Full PDB file with SEQRES, HELIX, SHEET, SSBOND, CRYST1, ORIGX, SCALE, CONECT and MASTER records, all heavy atoms in Angstrom:
SEQRES   1 A   33  THR LEU ASN ASP ASP GLN ARG GLU VAL VAL LEU LEU HIS          
SEQRES   2 A   33  ASP SER GLU GLY TYR SER ALA THR GLU VAL ALA SER ILE          
SEQRES   3 A   33  LEU GLY ILE SER ASP GLY THR                                  
HELIX    1 AA1 ASP A    4  VAL A   10  1                                   7    
HELIX    2 AA2 LEU A   11  SER A   15  3                                   5    
HELIX    3 AA3 ALA A   20  LEU A   27  1                                   8    
CRYST1    1.000    1.000    1.000  90.00  90.00  90.00 P 1           1          
ORIGX1      1.000000  0.000000  0.000000        0.00000                         
ORIGX2      0.000000  1.000000  0.000000        0.00000                         
ORIGX3      0.000000  0.000000  1.000000        0.00000                         
SCALE1      1.000000  0.000000  0.000000        0.00000                         
SCALE2      0.000000  1.000000  0.000000        0.00000                         
SCALE3      0.000000  0.000000  1.000000        0.00000                         
ATOM      1  N   THR A   1      -6.378  11.420   8.875  1.00  0.00           N  
ATOM      2  CA  THR A   1      -7.690  10.794   8.823  1.00  0.00           C  
ATOM      3  C   THR A   1      -7.848   9.979   7.572  1.00  0.00           C  
ATOM      4  O   THR A   1      -8.804   9.205   7.465  1.00  0.00           O  
ATOM      5  CB  THR A   1      -8.748  11.901   8.795  1.00  0.00           C  
ATOM      6  OG1 THR A   1      -8.632  12.655   7.587  1.00  0.00           O  
ATOM      7  CG2 THR A   1      -8.618  12.801   9.978  1.00  0.00           C  
ATOM      8  N   LEU A   2      -6.933  10.053   6.641  1.00  0.00           N  
ATOM      9  CA  LEU A   2      -7.042   9.202   5.378  1.00  0.00           C  
ATOM     10  C   LEU A   2      -6.586   7.865   5.595  1.00  0.00           C  
ATOM     11  O   LEU A   2      -5.731   7.558   6.487  1.00  0.00           O  
ATOM     12  CB  LEU A   2      -6.208   9.870   4.264  1.00  0.00           C  
ATOM     13  CG  LEU A   2      -6.485  11.334   3.851  1.00  0.00           C  
ATOM     14  CD1 LEU A   2      -5.548  11.777   2.773  1.00  0.00           C  
ATOM     15  CD2 LEU A   2      -7.948  11.426   3.358  1.00  0.00           C  
ATOM     16  N   ASN A   3      -7.099   6.871   4.851  1.00  0.00           N  
ATOM     17  CA  ASN A   3      -6.586   5.515   4.915  1.00  0.00           C  
ATOM     18  C   ASN A   3      -5.178   5.520   4.198  1.00  0.00           C  
ATOM     19  O   ASN A   3      -4.803   6.481   3.537  1.00  0.00           O  
ATOM     20  CB  ASN A   3      -7.482   4.466   4.408  1.00  0.00           C  
ATOM     21  CG  ASN A   3      -7.733   4.503   2.896  1.00  0.00           C  
ATOM     22  OD1 ASN A   3      -6.788   4.670   2.156  1.00  0.00           O  
ATOM     23  ND2 ASN A   3      -8.967   4.340   2.506  1.00  0.00           N  
ATOM     24  N   ASP A   4      -4.427   4.512   4.425  1.00  0.00           N  
ATOM     25  CA  ASP A   4      -2.972   4.432   3.946  1.00  0.00           C  
ATOM     26  C   ASP A   4      -2.924   4.608   2.408  1.00  0.00           C  
ATOM     27  O   ASP A   4      -2.098   5.238   1.923  1.00  0.00           O  
ATOM     28  CB  ASP A   4      -2.391   3.149   4.411  1.00  0.00           C  
ATOM     29  CG  ASP A   4      -2.317   3.078   5.936  1.00  0.00           C  
ATOM     30  OD1 ASP A   4      -2.132   4.108   6.552  1.00  0.00           O  
ATOM     31  OD2 ASP A   4      -2.377   1.956   6.459  1.00  0.00           O  
ATOM     32  N   ASP A   5      -3.877   3.957   1.721  1.00  0.00           N  
ATOM     33  CA  ASP A   5      -3.823   3.937   0.220  1.00  0.00           C  
ATOM     34  C   ASP A   5      -4.016   5.380  -0.278  1.00  0.00           C  
ATOM     35  O   ASP A   5      -3.449   5.863  -1.200  1.00  0.00           O  
ATOM     36  CB  ASP A   5      -4.873   2.972  -0.299  1.00  0.00           C  
ATOM     37  CG  ASP A   5      -4.518   1.555  -0.067  1.00  0.00           C  
ATOM     38  OD1 ASP A   5      -3.311   1.189   0.074  1.00  0.00           O  
ATOM     39  OD2 ASP A   5      -5.437   0.721  -0.104  1.00  0.00           O  
ATOM     40  N   GLN A   6      -5.108   6.026   0.376  1.00  0.00           N  
ATOM     41  CA  GLN A   6      -5.369   7.399  -0.094  1.00  0.00           C  
ATOM     42  C   GLN A   6      -4.185   8.350   0.214  1.00  0.00           C  
ATOM     43  O   GLN A   6      -3.854   9.227  -0.558  1.00  0.00           O  
ATOM     44  CB  GLN A   6      -6.622   7.907   0.623  1.00  0.00           C  
ATOM     45  CG  GLN A   6      -7.868   7.215   0.110  1.00  0.00           C  
ATOM     46  CD  GLN A   6      -9.020   7.549   1.085  1.00  0.00           C  
ATOM     47  OE1 GLN A   6      -8.961   8.010   2.181  1.00  0.00           O  
ATOM     48  NE2 GLN A   6     -10.283   7.350   0.559  1.00  0.00           N  
ATOM     49  N   ARG A   7      -3.562   8.178   1.428  1.00  0.00           N  
ATOM     50  CA  ARG A   7      -2.480   9.083   1.815  1.00  0.00           C  
ATOM     51  C   ARG A   7      -1.273   8.906   0.908  1.00  0.00           C  
ATOM     52  O   ARG A   7      -0.665   9.837   0.470  1.00  0.00           O  
ATOM     53  CB  ARG A   7      -2.011   8.646   3.248  1.00  0.00           C  
ATOM     54  CG  ARG A   7      -1.121   9.632   3.861  1.00  0.00           C  
ATOM     55  CD  ARG A   7      -0.743   9.375   5.334  1.00  0.00           C  
ATOM     56  NE  ARG A   7      -1.899   9.165   6.158  1.00  0.00           N  
ATOM     57  CZ  ARG A   7      -2.224   7.945   6.713  1.00  0.00           C  
ATOM     58  NH1 ARG A   7      -1.438   6.898   6.572  1.00  0.00           N  
ATOM     59  NH2 ARG A   7      -3.319   7.838   7.451  1.00  0.00           N  
ATOM     60  N   GLU A   8      -0.947   7.631   0.465  1.00  0.00           N  
ATOM     61  CA  GLU A   8       0.076   7.435  -0.490  1.00  0.00           C  
ATOM     62  C   GLU A   8      -0.133   8.194  -1.827  1.00  0.00           C  
ATOM     63  O   GLU A   8       0.722   8.787  -2.309  1.00  0.00           O  
ATOM     64  CB  GLU A   8       0.217   5.898  -0.797  1.00  0.00           C  
ATOM     65  CG  GLU A   8       1.172   5.156  -0.001  1.00  0.00           C  
ATOM     66  CD  GLU A   8       1.230   3.678  -0.470  1.00  0.00           C  
ATOM     67  OE1 GLU A   8       0.348   3.219  -1.172  1.00  0.00           O  
ATOM     68  OE2 GLU A   8       2.191   3.043  -0.135  1.00  0.00           O  
ATOM     69  N   VAL A   9      -1.312   8.059  -2.255  1.00  0.00           N  
ATOM     70  CA  VAL A   9      -1.688   8.702  -3.582  1.00  0.00           C  
ATOM     71  C   VAL A   9      -1.606  10.206  -3.458  1.00  0.00           C  
ATOM     72  O   VAL A   9      -1.104  10.900  -4.364  1.00  0.00           O  
ATOM     73  CB  VAL A   9      -3.051   8.230  -4.049  1.00  0.00           C  
ATOM     74  CG1 VAL A   9      -3.555   8.981  -5.258  1.00  0.00           C  
ATOM     75  CG2 VAL A   9      -2.985   6.673  -4.455  1.00  0.00           C  
ATOM     76  N   VAL A  10      -2.133  10.774  -2.357  1.00  0.00           N  
ATOM     77  CA  VAL A  10      -2.183  12.256  -2.204  1.00  0.00           C  
ATOM     78  C   VAL A  10      -0.672  12.726  -2.068  1.00  0.00           C  
ATOM     79  O   VAL A  10      -0.369  13.722  -2.636  1.00  0.00           O  
ATOM     80  CB  VAL A  10      -2.946  12.657  -0.958  1.00  0.00           C  
ATOM     81  CG1 VAL A  10      -2.733  14.017  -0.522  1.00  0.00           C  
ATOM     82  CG2 VAL A  10      -4.498  12.457  -1.211  1.00  0.00           C  
ATOM     83  N   LEU A  11       0.115  12.056  -1.315  1.00  0.00           N  
ATOM     84  CA  LEU A  11       1.451  12.540  -1.143  1.00  0.00           C  
ATOM     85  C   LEU A  11       2.231  12.511  -2.527  1.00  0.00           C  
ATOM     86  O   LEU A  11       2.997  13.399  -2.789  1.00  0.00           O  
ATOM     87  CB  LEU A  11       2.219  11.676  -0.084  1.00  0.00           C  
ATOM     88  CG  LEU A  11       1.709  11.897   1.361  1.00  0.00           C  
ATOM     89  CD1 LEU A  11       2.297  10.952   2.342  1.00  0.00           C  
ATOM     90  CD2 LEU A  11       1.940  13.351   1.837  1.00  0.00           C  
ATOM     91  N   LEU A  12       2.031  11.458  -3.264  1.00  0.00           N  
ATOM     92  CA  LEU A  12       2.748  11.327  -4.517  1.00  0.00           C  
ATOM     93  C   LEU A  12       2.293  12.317  -5.557  1.00  0.00           C  
ATOM     94  O   LEU A  12       2.969  13.036  -6.217  1.00  0.00           O  
ATOM     95  CB  LEU A  12       2.730   9.964  -5.060  1.00  0.00           C  
ATOM     96  CG  LEU A  12       3.652   8.968  -4.393  1.00  0.00           C  
ATOM     97  CD1 LEU A  12       3.314   7.493  -4.858  1.00  0.00           C  
ATOM     98  CD2 LEU A  12       5.115   9.244  -4.588  1.00  0.00           C  
ATOM     99  N   HIS A  13       0.905  12.422  -5.629  1.00  0.00           N  
ATOM    100  CA  HIS A  13       0.304  13.290  -6.655  1.00  0.00           C  
ATOM    101  C   HIS A  13       0.254  14.766  -6.252  1.00  0.00           C  
ATOM    102  O   HIS A  13       0.889  15.568  -6.975  1.00  0.00           O  
ATOM    103  CB  HIS A  13      -1.149  12.790  -6.891  1.00  0.00           C  
ATOM    104  CG  HIS A  13      -1.815  13.528  -8.036  1.00  0.00           C  
ATOM    105  ND1 HIS A  13      -2.431  14.706  -7.901  1.00  0.00           N  
ATOM    106  CD2 HIS A  13      -1.909  13.218  -9.357  1.00  0.00           C  
ATOM    107  CE1 HIS A  13      -2.971  15.103  -8.939  1.00  0.00           C  
ATOM    108  NE2 HIS A  13      -2.687  14.201  -9.917  1.00  0.00           N  
ATOM    109  N   ASP A  14      -0.289  15.069  -5.130  1.00  0.00           N  
ATOM    110  CA  ASP A  14      -0.467  16.480  -4.765  1.00  0.00           C  
ATOM    111  C   ASP A  14       0.778  17.108  -4.154  1.00  0.00           C  
ATOM    112  O   ASP A  14       1.071  18.275  -4.338  1.00  0.00           O  
ATOM    113  CB  ASP A  14      -1.623  16.689  -3.818  1.00  0.00           C  
ATOM    114  CG  ASP A  14      -2.990  16.304  -4.460  1.00  0.00           C  
ATOM    115  OD1 ASP A  14      -3.001  16.272  -5.708  1.00  0.00           O  
ATOM    116  OD2 ASP A  14      -3.953  16.148  -3.730  1.00  0.00           O  
ATOM    117  N   SER A  15       1.607  16.297  -3.446  1.00  0.00           N  
ATOM    118  CA  SER A  15       2.712  16.869  -2.784  1.00  0.00           C  
ATOM    119  C   SER A  15       3.976  16.829  -3.724  1.00  0.00           C  
ATOM    120  O   SER A  15       4.693  17.826  -3.791  1.00  0.00           O  
ATOM    121  CB  SER A  15       3.044  16.118  -1.496  1.00  0.00           C  
ATOM    122  OG  SER A  15       4.110  16.666  -0.913  1.00  0.00           O  
ATOM    123  N   GLU A  16       4.178  15.736  -4.383  1.00  0.00           N  
ATOM    124  CA  GLU A  16       5.340  15.575  -5.199  1.00  0.00           C  
ATOM    125  C   GLU A  16       5.094  15.978  -6.691  1.00  0.00           C  
ATOM    126  O   GLU A  16       6.013  16.099  -7.411  1.00  0.00           O  
ATOM    127  CB  GLU A  16       5.972  14.159  -5.116  1.00  0.00           C  
ATOM    128  CG  GLU A  16       6.662  13.917  -3.850  1.00  0.00           C  
ATOM    129  CD  GLU A  16       7.814  14.857  -3.505  1.00  0.00           C  
ATOM    130  OE1 GLU A  16       8.569  15.137  -4.466  1.00  0.00           O  
ATOM    131  OE2 GLU A  16       7.910  15.253  -2.347  1.00  0.00           O  
ATOM    132  N   GLY A  17       3.818  16.078  -7.052  1.00  0.00           N  
ATOM    133  CA  GLY A  17       3.523  16.543  -8.351  1.00  0.00           C  
ATOM    134  C   GLY A  17       3.483  15.554  -9.482  1.00  0.00           C  
ATOM    135  O   GLY A  17       3.500  15.849 -10.649  1.00  0.00           O  
ATOM    136  N   TYR A  18       3.469  14.270  -9.166  1.00  0.00           N  
ATOM    137  CA  TYR A  18       3.399  13.191 -10.202  1.00  0.00           C  
ATOM    138  C   TYR A  18       1.986  13.137 -10.733  1.00  0.00           C  
ATOM    139  O   TYR A  18       1.017  13.331 -10.034  1.00  0.00           O  
ATOM    140  CB  TYR A  18       3.887  11.796  -9.568  1.00  0.00           C  
ATOM    141  CG  TYR A  18       5.293  11.800  -9.308  1.00  0.00           C  
ATOM    142  CD1 TYR A  18       5.713  11.847  -8.015  1.00  0.00           C  
ATOM    143  CD2 TYR A  18       6.253  11.758 -10.325  1.00  0.00           C  
ATOM    144  CE1 TYR A  18       7.115  11.848  -7.716  1.00  0.00           C  
ATOM    145  CE2 TYR A  18       7.591  11.752 -10.024  1.00  0.00           C  
ATOM    146  CZ  TYR A  18       8.072  11.811  -8.735  1.00  0.00           C  
ATOM    147  OH  TYR A  18       9.358  11.751  -8.432  1.00  0.00           O  
ATOM    148  N   SER A  19       1.909  12.728 -12.036  1.00  0.00           N  
ATOM    149  CA  SER A  19       0.585  12.712 -12.640  1.00  0.00           C  
ATOM    150  C   SER A  19      -0.086  11.396 -12.159  1.00  0.00           C  
ATOM    151  O   SER A  19       0.575  10.503 -11.559  1.00  0.00           O  
ATOM    152  CB  SER A  19       0.738  12.646 -14.201  1.00  0.00           C  
ATOM    153  OG  SER A  19       1.285  11.463 -14.514  1.00  0.00           O  
ATOM    154  N   ALA A  20      -1.427  11.256 -12.374  1.00  0.00           N  
ATOM    155  CA  ALA A  20      -2.166  10.100 -12.005  1.00  0.00           C  
ATOM    156  C   ALA A  20      -1.613   8.870 -12.691  1.00  0.00           C  
ATOM    157  O   ALA A  20      -1.401   7.786 -12.038  1.00  0.00           O  
ATOM    158  CB  ALA A  20      -3.643  10.306 -12.344  1.00  0.00           C  
ATOM    159  N   THR A  21      -1.125   8.977 -13.919  1.00  0.00           N  
ATOM    160  CA  THR A  21      -0.554   7.893 -14.682  1.00  0.00           C  
ATOM    161  C   THR A  21       0.722   7.478 -14.094  1.00  0.00           C  
ATOM    162  O   THR A  21       1.044   6.336 -13.921  1.00  0.00           O  
ATOM    163  CB  THR A  21      -0.385   8.234 -16.149  1.00  0.00           C  
ATOM    164  OG1 THR A  21      -1.686   8.604 -16.729  1.00  0.00           O  
ATOM    165  CG2 THR A  21       0.221   7.089 -16.904  1.00  0.00           C  
ATOM    166  N   GLU A  22       1.521   8.469 -13.657  1.00  0.00           N  
ATOM    167  CA  GLU A  22       2.863   8.203 -13.027  1.00  0.00           C  
ATOM    168  C   GLU A  22       2.648   7.472 -11.723  1.00  0.00           C  
ATOM    169  O   GLU A  22       3.348   6.522 -11.373  1.00  0.00           O  
ATOM    170  CB  GLU A  22       3.650   9.490 -12.979  1.00  0.00           C  
ATOM    171  CG  GLU A  22       4.114  10.038 -14.299  1.00  0.00           C  
ATOM    172  CD  GLU A  22       4.619  11.441 -14.198  1.00  0.00           C  
ATOM    173  OE1 GLU A  22       4.312  12.182 -13.255  1.00  0.00           O  
ATOM    174  OE2 GLU A  22       5.367  11.800 -15.175  1.00  0.00           O  
ATOM    175  N   VAL A  23       1.752   8.028 -10.841  1.00  0.00           N  
ATOM    176  CA  VAL A  23       1.421   7.435  -9.574  1.00  0.00           C  
ATOM    177  C   VAL A  23       0.962   5.957  -9.693  1.00  0.00           C  
ATOM    178  O   VAL A  23       1.470   5.045  -8.995  1.00  0.00           O  
ATOM    179  CB  VAL A  23       0.384   8.227  -8.787  1.00  0.00           C  
ATOM    180  CG1 VAL A  23      -0.063   7.529  -7.500  1.00  0.00           C  
ATOM    181  CG2 VAL A  23       0.960   9.660  -8.470  1.00  0.00           C  
ATOM    182  N   ALA A  24       0.112   5.733 -10.720  1.00  0.00           N  
ATOM    183  CA  ALA A  24      -0.323   4.405 -10.997  1.00  0.00           C  
ATOM    184  C   ALA A  24       0.823   3.505 -11.295  1.00  0.00           C  
ATOM    185  O   ALA A  24       0.913   2.314 -10.800  1.00  0.00           O  
ATOM    186  CB  ALA A  24      -1.370   4.430 -12.142  1.00  0.00           C  
ATOM    187  N   SER A  25       1.702   3.996 -12.110  1.00  0.00           N  
ATOM    188  CA  SER A  25       2.905   3.162 -12.473  1.00  0.00           C  
ATOM    189  C   SER A  25       3.768   2.915 -11.308  1.00  0.00           C  
ATOM    190  O   SER A  25       4.251   1.771 -11.074  1.00  0.00           O  
ATOM    191  CB  SER A  25       3.690   3.852 -13.575  1.00  0.00           C  
ATOM    192  OG  SER A  25       4.915   3.189 -13.823  1.00  0.00           O  
ATOM    193  N   ILE A  26       3.972   3.886 -10.427  1.00  0.00           N  
ATOM    194  CA  ILE A  26       4.783   3.761  -9.319  1.00  0.00           C  
ATOM    195  C   ILE A  26       4.193   2.753  -8.314  1.00  0.00           C  
ATOM    196  O   ILE A  26       4.949   1.919  -7.760  1.00  0.00           O  
ATOM    197  CB  ILE A  26       4.980   5.086  -8.551  1.00  0.00           C  
ATOM    198  CG1 ILE A  26       5.873   6.080  -9.383  1.00  0.00           C  
ATOM    199  CG2 ILE A  26       5.580   4.901  -7.149  1.00  0.00           C  
ATOM    200  CD1 ILE A  26       5.792   7.508  -8.955  1.00  0.00           C  
ATOM    201  N   LEU A  27       2.909   2.743  -8.077  1.00  0.00           N  
ATOM    202  CA  LEU A  27       2.282   1.960  -7.069  1.00  0.00           C  
ATOM    203  C   LEU A  27       1.770   0.626  -7.685  1.00  0.00           C  
ATOM    204  O   LEU A  27       1.374  -0.203  -6.908  1.00  0.00           O  
ATOM    205  CB  LEU A  27       1.177   2.738  -6.418  1.00  0.00           C  
ATOM    206  CG  LEU A  27       1.529   3.982  -5.657  1.00  0.00           C  
ATOM    207  CD1 LEU A  27       0.290   4.644  -5.080  1.00  0.00           C  
ATOM    208  CD2 LEU A  27       2.493   3.636  -4.592  1.00  0.00           C  
ATOM    209  N   GLY A  28       1.798   0.493  -9.006  1.00  0.00           N  
ATOM    210  CA  GLY A  28       1.345  -0.718  -9.594  1.00  0.00           C  
ATOM    211  C   GLY A  28      -0.183  -0.940  -9.527  1.00  0.00           C  
ATOM    212  O   GLY A  28      -0.649  -2.041  -9.348  1.00  0.00           O  
ATOM    213  N   ILE A  29      -0.835   0.157  -9.691  1.00  0.00           N  
ATOM    214  CA  ILE A  29      -2.302   0.170  -9.672  1.00  0.00           C  
ATOM    215  C   ILE A  29      -2.844   0.844 -10.961  1.00  0.00           C  
ATOM    216  O   ILE A  29      -2.074   1.511 -11.681  1.00  0.00           O  
ATOM    217  CB  ILE A  29      -2.924   0.819  -8.426  1.00  0.00           C  
ATOM    218  CG1 ILE A  29      -2.489   2.242  -8.247  1.00  0.00           C  
ATOM    219  CG2 ILE A  29      -2.584  -0.031  -7.261  1.00  0.00           C  
ATOM    220  CD1 ILE A  29      -2.935   2.946  -6.972  1.00  0.00           C  
ATOM    221  N   SER A  30      -4.111   0.767 -11.194  1.00  0.00           N  
ATOM    222  CA  SER A  30      -4.637   1.421 -12.397  1.00  0.00           C  
ATOM    223  C   SER A  30      -4.855   2.930 -12.245  1.00  0.00           C  
ATOM    224  O   SER A  30      -4.930   3.454 -11.073  1.00  0.00           O  
ATOM    225  CB  SER A  30      -6.015   0.785 -12.802  1.00  0.00           C  
ATOM    226  OG  SER A  30      -6.986   1.202 -11.834  1.00  0.00           O  
ATOM    227  N   ASP A  31      -4.935   3.612 -13.370  1.00  0.00           N  
ATOM    228  CA  ASP A  31      -5.136   5.064 -13.318  1.00  0.00           C  
ATOM    229  C   ASP A  31      -6.484   5.341 -12.659  1.00  0.00           C  
ATOM    230  O   ASP A  31      -6.588   6.290 -11.871  1.00  0.00           O  
ATOM    231  CB  ASP A  31      -5.198   5.672 -14.706  1.00  0.00           C  
ATOM    232  CG  ASP A  31      -3.846   5.754 -15.408  1.00  0.00           C  
ATOM    233  OD1 ASP A  31      -2.889   5.344 -14.820  1.00  0.00           O  
ATOM    234  OD2 ASP A  31      -3.836   6.221 -16.506  1.00  0.00           O  
ATOM    235  N   GLY A  32      -7.503   4.601 -12.966  1.00  0.00           N  
ATOM    236  CA  GLY A  32      -8.795   4.751 -12.352  1.00  0.00           C  
ATOM    237  C   GLY A  32      -8.773   4.617 -10.842  1.00  0.00           C  
ATOM    238  O   GLY A  32      -9.448   5.419 -10.113  1.00  0.00           O  
ATOM    239  N   THR A  33      -7.991   3.652 -10.307  1.00  0.00           N  
ATOM    240  CA  THR A  33      -7.807   3.507  -8.851  1.00  0.00           C  
ATOM    241  C   THR A  33      -7.192   4.727  -8.289  1.00  0.00           C  
ATOM    242  O   THR A  33      -7.621   5.188  -7.263  1.00  0.00           O  
ATOM    243  CB  THR A  33      -7.080   2.269  -8.576  1.00  0.00           C  
ATOM    244  OG1 THR A  33      -7.715   1.120  -9.135  1.00  0.00           O  
ATOM    245  CG2 THR A  33      -6.902   2.052  -7.064  1.00  0.00           C  
TER     246      THR A  33                                                      
MASTER        0    0    0    3    0    0    0    6  245    1    0    3          
END                                                                             
């Protein structure tokens, strides 16, 4: 039910355990996003 951007972030952060800063770096977006 999530949009693609939300799903990517959830899978990297909640499933793989990367921090928000690490996810931001991986995806090339800001921490706030």
